[in-house]
């Protein structure tokens, strides 16, 4: 979960802006948590405290109505509706918020079902559901099964139908000004960033350097990388300095539940 938050905060200041140099500073005063972190907190809160996913999302998003970068138009309307209904969305929001489910459930069927439930309240299009399921299950594979990256890539293609594009293609798309806002685009791109990286920090840097939806791509990539690489303590400390008390409370509950403060094992 902290991997997703770090990716979101680091990527936040580059969305809709020029891509940085490779050695860019990760945390600056221009960084902030965005809707990615808010929605991730909502999903964690729902599972940890046995809340309905819709209730928790509405609570958190209404509590934080104006995050850096705002909310997507359709999601904003959903938040403020008197009768919020699923929007048939296949945007990447379902995948960006799902990481707690990959840690809090251990069985394939449970991960798949809970990821679906968490997506369905807004993203009930099959592609929106699939994106959430893929990221949650990838996290679960990495933390429990200790699969290699090549094993994960094969399973992602077999079970979810995603072919991960080469990094050069992702960077080319980003350099042309394309904004990857769908699960079909962002999920395989984020997974490729993880696959090609050699550390947690490198994963975040690669995701940001790919341009486009930088905070969400880095959020998703970071959520997966946390299940494979140790997360540097200094990055955790920097990230939590951006968070308000209610978010820190959920983060504390989450890691107390999984009894792992910075990702699993050394590789």
Protein backbone atom coordinates (compact mmCIF):
# COMPACT_ATOMS: atom_id res chain seq x y z
CA UNK A 1 0.00 0.00 0.00
CA UNK A 2 2.84 2.40 0.78
CA UNK A 3 4.28 1.54 -2.63
CA UNK A 4 1.16 2.89 -4.30
CA UNK A 5 1.21 6.02 -2.15
CA UNK A 6 4.87 6.72 -2.88
CA UNK A 7 4.27 6.35 -6.61
CA UNK A 8 1.29 8.68 -6.44
CA UNK A 9 3.14 11.39 -4.51
CA UNK A 10 6.29 11.23 -6.64
CA UNK A 11 4.33 11.25 -9.89
CA UNK A 12 1.91 13.98 -8.82
CA UNK A 13 3.98 16.98 -9.87
CA UNK A 14 4.68 15.71 -13.39
CA UNK A 15 1.15 15.03 -14.63
CA UNK A 16 0.43 17.28 -17.64
CA UNK A 17 3.97 18.67 -17.38
CA UNK A 18 7.27 18.09 -19.18
CA UNK A 19 8.91 14.75 -18.45
CA UNK A 20 11.83 15.16 -16.01
CA UNK A 21 15.45 14.16 -16.36
CA UNK A 22 16.36 10.65 -15.24
CA UNK A 23 17.91 11.77 -11.94
CA UNK A 24 14.97 13.98 -10.93
CA UNK A 25 14.32 14.67 -7.25
CA UNK A 26 11.64 12.31 -5.97
CA UNK A 27 10.07 14.36 -3.18
CA UNK A 28 9.69 18.15 -3.30
CA UNK A 29 7.27 20.74 -1.89
CA UNK A 30 5.42 20.55 -5.23
CA UNK A 31 4.45 16.93 -4.58
CA UNK A 32 1.19 15.90 -2.93
CA UNK A 33 -1.08 12.92 -2.55
CA UNK A 34 -3.86 12.81 -5.15
CA UNK A 35 -7.13 10.99 -5.70
CA UNK A 36 -5.07 7.82 -6.15
CA UNK A 37 -4.04 7.82 -2.49
CA UNK A 38 -7.47 8.92 -1.26
CA UNK A 39 -9.19 6.06 -3.08
CA UNK A 40 -6.54 3.56 -1.96
CA UNK A 41 -7.21 4.61 1.63
CA UNK A 42 -10.93 4.09 1.03
CA UNK A 43 -10.45 0.52 -0.18
CA UNK A 44 -8.14 -0.31 2.72
CA UNK A 45 -10.60 1.21 5.19
CA UNK A 46 -13.45 -0.81 3.70
CA UNK A 47 -11.64 -4.12 4.16
CA UNK A 48 -10.00 -3.36 7.50
CA UNK A 49 -13.15 -1.99 9.11
CA UNK A 50 -15.75 -4.09 7.28
CA UNK A 51 -17.30 -1.18 5.42
CA UNK A 52 -19.10 -1.27 2.10
CA UNK A 53 -16.77 -0.25 -0.74
CA UNK A 54 -19.15 2.38 -2.04
CA UNK A 55 -19.77 3.84 1.40
CA UNK A 56 -16.05 4.08 2.08
CA UNK A 57 -15.20 5.64 -1.29
CA UNK A 58 -17.92 8.25 -0.92
CA UNK A 59 -16.83 9.03 2.63
CA UNK A 60 -13.15 9.52 1.76
CA UNK A 61 -13.69 11.38 -1.49
CA UNK A 62 -16.24 13.74 0.03
CA UNK A 63 -13.88 14.28 2.96
CA UNK A 64 -11.19 15.30 0.47
CA UNK A 65 -13.18 17.01 -2.31
CA UNK A 66 -10.33 18.91 -3.96
CA UNK A 67 -7.11 16.88 -4.12
CA UNK A 68 -4.16 17.85 -6.28
CA UNK A 69 -5.19 17.17 -9.88
CA UNK A 70 -8.84 16.81 -8.90
CA UNK A 71 -11.06 13.84 -9.73
CA UNK A 72 -12.03 12.65 -13.19
CA UNK A 73 -15.25 14.23 -14.47
CA UNK A 74 -17.42 11.11 -14.29
CA UNK A 75 -16.03 10.08 -10.93
CA UNK A 76 -16.57 13.59 -9.58
CA UNK A 77 -20.21 13.40 -10.66
CA UNK A 78 -20.48 9.99 -8.99
CA UNK A 79 -19.07 11.35 -5.73
CA UNK A 80 -21.55 14.21 -5.68
CA UNK A 81 -24.61 12.31 -6.86
CA UNK A 82 -27.62 11.75 -4.61
CA UNK A 83 -27.89 8.29 -6.13
CA UNK A 84 -24.37 7.18 -7.13
CA UNK A 85 -24.52 4.36 -9.68
CA UNK A 86 -21.75 2.57 -11.58
CA UNK A 87 -20.62 4.50 -14.66
CA UNK A 88 -19.52 1.59 -16.89
CA UNK A 89 -16.01 3.05 -16.73
CA UNK A 90 -12.86 1.27 -17.82
CA UNK A 91 -10.60 4.06 -16.56
CA UNK A 92 -7.47 3.22 -14.62
CA UNK A 93 -9.02 4.32 -11.31
CA UNK A 94 -10.13 0.79 -10.47
CA UNK A 95 -6.54 -0.48 -10.71
CA UNK A 96 -4.90 2.46 -8.94
CA UNK A 97 -6.89 1.93 -5.71
CA UNK A 98 -6.95 -1.86 -5.47
CA UNK A 99 -3.55 -2.66 -3.92
CA UNK A 100 -4.77 -3.28 -0.33
CA UNK A 101 -6.85 -6.20 -1.58
CA UNK A 102 -3.74 -7.94 -2.92
CA UNK A 103 -2.32 -7.90 0.61
CA UNK A 104 -5.39 -8.45 2.78
CA UNK A 105 -6.67 -11.58 1.00
CA UNK A 106 -4.64 -14.72 0.32
CA UNK A 107 -6.80 -17.01 -1.81
CA UNK A 108 -7.12 -16.57 -5.58
CA UNK A 109 -10.92 -16.63 -5.47
CA UNK A 110 -11.08 -14.07 -2.67
CA UNK A 111 -8.64 -11.68 -4.34
CA UNK A 112 -10.49 -11.90 -7.65
CA UNK A 113 -13.91 -11.45 -6.05
CA UNK A 114 -12.95 -8.58 -3.75
CA UNK A 115 -11.11 -6.76 -6.53
CA UNK A 116 -14.24 -7.10 -8.64
CA UNK A 117 -16.44 -5.75 -5.84
CA UNK A 118 -14.11 -2.80 -5.26
CA UNK A 119 -14.18 -1.93 -8.96
CA UNK A 120 -17.89 -2.53 -9.60
CA UNK A 121 -19.15 0.40 -7.55
CA UNK A 122 -17.83 2.73 -10.25
CA UNK A 123 -15.92 0.78 -12.90
CA UNK A 124 -18.37 -1.96 -13.88
CA UNK A 125 -17.11 -2.27 -17.46
CA UNK A 126 -15.33 -5.65 -17.95
CA UNK A 127 -12.03 -3.88 -18.68
CA UNK A 128 -12.31 -1.81 -15.51
CA UNK A 129 -12.93 -4.94 -13.47
CA UNK A 130 -10.13 -6.85 -15.16
CA UNK A 131 -7.59 -4.11 -14.50
CA UNK A 132 -8.31 -4.16 -10.78
CA UNK A 133 -8.25 -7.96 -10.64
CA UNK A 134 -4.94 -8.14 -12.49
CA UNK A 135 -3.11 -5.74 -10.18
CA UNK A 136 -4.52 -7.27 -6.99
CA UNK A 137 -3.68 -10.80 -8.10
CA UNK A 138 -0.19 -9.82 -9.29
CA UNK A 139 0.55 -8.42 -5.83
CA UNK A 140 -0.74 -11.62 -4.25
CA UNK A 141 1.36 -13.81 -6.57
CA UNK A 142 4.51 -11.88 -5.77
CA UNK A 143 4.12 -11.78 -2.01
CA UNK A 144 2.86 -15.34 -1.48
CA UNK A 145 4.15 -17.43 -4.37
CA UNK A 146 7.48 -15.63 -4.87
CA UNK A 147 7.02 -15.88 -8.63
CA UNK A 148 9.79 -14.54 -10.84
CA UNK A 149 9.08 -11.56 -13.04
CA UNK A 150 8.98 -13.76 -16.13
CA UNK A 151 6.49 -16.08 -14.42
CA UNK A 152 4.30 -13.11 -13.55
CA UNK A 153 4.40 -11.76 -17.09
CA UNK A 154 3.29 -15.13 -18.46
CA UNK A 155 0.48 -15.42 -15.93
CA UNK A 156 -0.72 -11.88 -16.58
CA UNK A 157 -1.04 -12.71 -20.26
CA UNK A 158 -2.62 -16.13 -19.61
CA UNK A 159 -5.22 -15.11 -17.03
CA UNK A 160 -5.89 -11.49 -17.94
CA UNK A 161 -4.94 -11.22 -21.60
CA UNK A 162 -2.51 -8.32 -21.18
CA UNK A 163 0.54 -8.25 -23.42
CA UNK A 164 3.09 -5.94 -21.84
CA UNK A 165 4.46 -3.43 -24.37
CA UNK A 166 8.21 -2.84 -24.63
CA UNK A 167 9.51 0.17 -22.74
CA UNK A 168 10.52 1.98 -25.92
CA UNK A 169 6.91 1.92 -27.12
CA UNK A 170 5.61 3.26 -23.82
CA UNK A 171 8.08 6.14 -23.84
CA UNK A 172 7.28 6.92 -27.47
CA UNK A 173 3.56 7.11 -26.72
CA UNK A 174 4.20 9.37 -23.75
CA UNK A 175 6.53 11.64 -25.71
CA UNK A 176 3.79 12.15 -28.30
CA UNK A 177 1.51 13.64 -25.65
CA UNK A 178 -0.83 10.66 -25.30
CA UNK A 179 -2.51 10.41 -21.88
CA UNK A 180 -3.04 6.79 -20.84
CA UNK A 181 -6.24 6.96 -18.84
CA UNK A 182 -7.69 3.47 -19.35
CA UNK A 183 -6.98 0.16 -17.66
CA UNK A 184 -6.18 -1.36 -21.05
CA UNK A 185 -3.29 1.08 -21.43
CA UNK A 186 -2.08 1.94 -17.94
CA UNK A 187 -2.08 -1.53 -16.37
CA UNK A 188 0.29 -3.17 -18.90
CA UNK A 189 2.44 -0.03 -19.02
CA UNK A 190 2.81 0.04 -15.23
CA UNK A 191 3.60 -3.66 -15.14
CA UNK A 192 6.30 -3.19 -17.78
CA UNK A 193 7.89 -0.47 -15.65
CA UNK A 194 8.06 -2.95 -12.78
CA UNK A 195 9.38 -5.74 -15.01
CA UNK A 196 12.21 -3.62 -16.40
CA UNK A 197 13.26 -2.04 -13.09
CA UNK A 198 16.03 -3.23 -10.79
CA UNK A 199 14.71 -1.82 -7.50
CA UNK A 200 11.66 -0.22 -5.96
CA UNK A 201 13.01 3.28 -6.57
CA UNK A 202 13.90 2.41 -10.16
CA UNK A 203 10.32 1.23 -10.73
CA UNK A 204 8.95 4.61 -9.65
CA UNK A 205 11.46 6.52 -11.75
CA UNK A 206 10.72 4.48 -14.87
CA UNK A 207 6.97 4.99 -14.47
CA UNK A 208 7.34 8.76 -14.16
CA UNK A 209 9.78 8.97 -17.07
CA UNK A 210 7.18 7.30 -19.31
CA UNK A 211 5.10 10.50 -19.11
CA UNK A 212 1.31 10.44 -19.58
CA UNK A 213 -0.68 9.71 -16.42
CA UNK A 214 2.43 9.85 -14.27
CA UNK A 215 0.91 9.63 -10.80
CA UNK A 216 -1.40 6.72 -11.59
CA UNK A 217 1.18 4.80 -13.59
CA UNK A 218 3.70 5.21 -10.76
CA UNK A 219 1.01 4.38 -8.19
CA UNK A 220 0.17 1.07 -9.88
CA UNK A 221 3.79 0.20 -10.61
CA UNK A 222 4.78 1.04 -7.04
CA UNK A 223 1.98 -1.07 -5.60
CA UNK A 224 3.31 -4.10 -7.46
CA UNK A 225 6.99 -3.35 -6.78
CA UNK A 226 6.34 -3.25 -3.03
CA UNK A 227 5.44 -6.94 -3.16
CA UNK A 228 8.79 -7.77 -4.80
CA UNK A 229 11.40 -5.29 -3.58
CA UNK A 230 12.16 -3.84 -0.14
CA UNK A 231 10.94 -0.25 0.03
CA UNK A 232 13.68 2.11 1.27
CA UNK A 233 12.91 3.43 4.73
CA UNK A 234 13.76 6.99 3.72
CA UNK A 235 11.13 6.87 0.98
CA UNK A 236 8.51 5.67 3.44
CA UNK A 237 9.38 8.47 5.86
CA UNK A 238 9.20 11.08 3.11
CA UNK A 239 5.87 9.81 1.81
CA UNK A 240 4.12 9.69 5.16
CA UNK A 241 5.15 13.29 5.84
CA UNK A 242 2.62 14.32 3.16
CA UNK A 243 -0.29 12.44 4.75
CA UNK A 244 -2.90 13.71 7.24
CA UNK A 245 -3.67 11.89 10.46
CA UNK A 246 -6.70 9.92 9.25
CA UNK A 247 -4.64 8.46 6.40
CA UNK A 248 -1.79 7.62 8.76
CA UNK A 249 -4.31 5.82 10.97
CA UNK A 250 -5.48 3.61 8.11
CA UNK A 251 -1.89 3.00 7.02
CA UNK A 252 -1.02 1.92 10.56
CA UNK A 253 -4.01 -0.42 10.72
CA UNK A 254 -3.06 -1.91 7.37
CA UNK A 255 0.53 -2.76 8.28
CA UNK A 256 -0.47 -3.99 11.70
CA UNK A 257 -2.83 -6.40 9.96
CA UNK A 258 -0.27 -7.72 7.51
CA UNK A 259 2.63 -7.33 9.98
CA UNK A 260 4.99 -6.03 7.33
CA UNK A 261 5.95 -2.37 7.39
CA UNK A 262 7.85 -2.01 4.13
CA UNK A 263 7.15 -4.85 1.77
CA UNK A 264 8.36 -8.43 2.11
CA UNK A 265 11.69 -10.17 1.73
CA UNK A 266 14.97 -9.32 0.16
CA UNK A 267 15.61 -10.67 -3.31
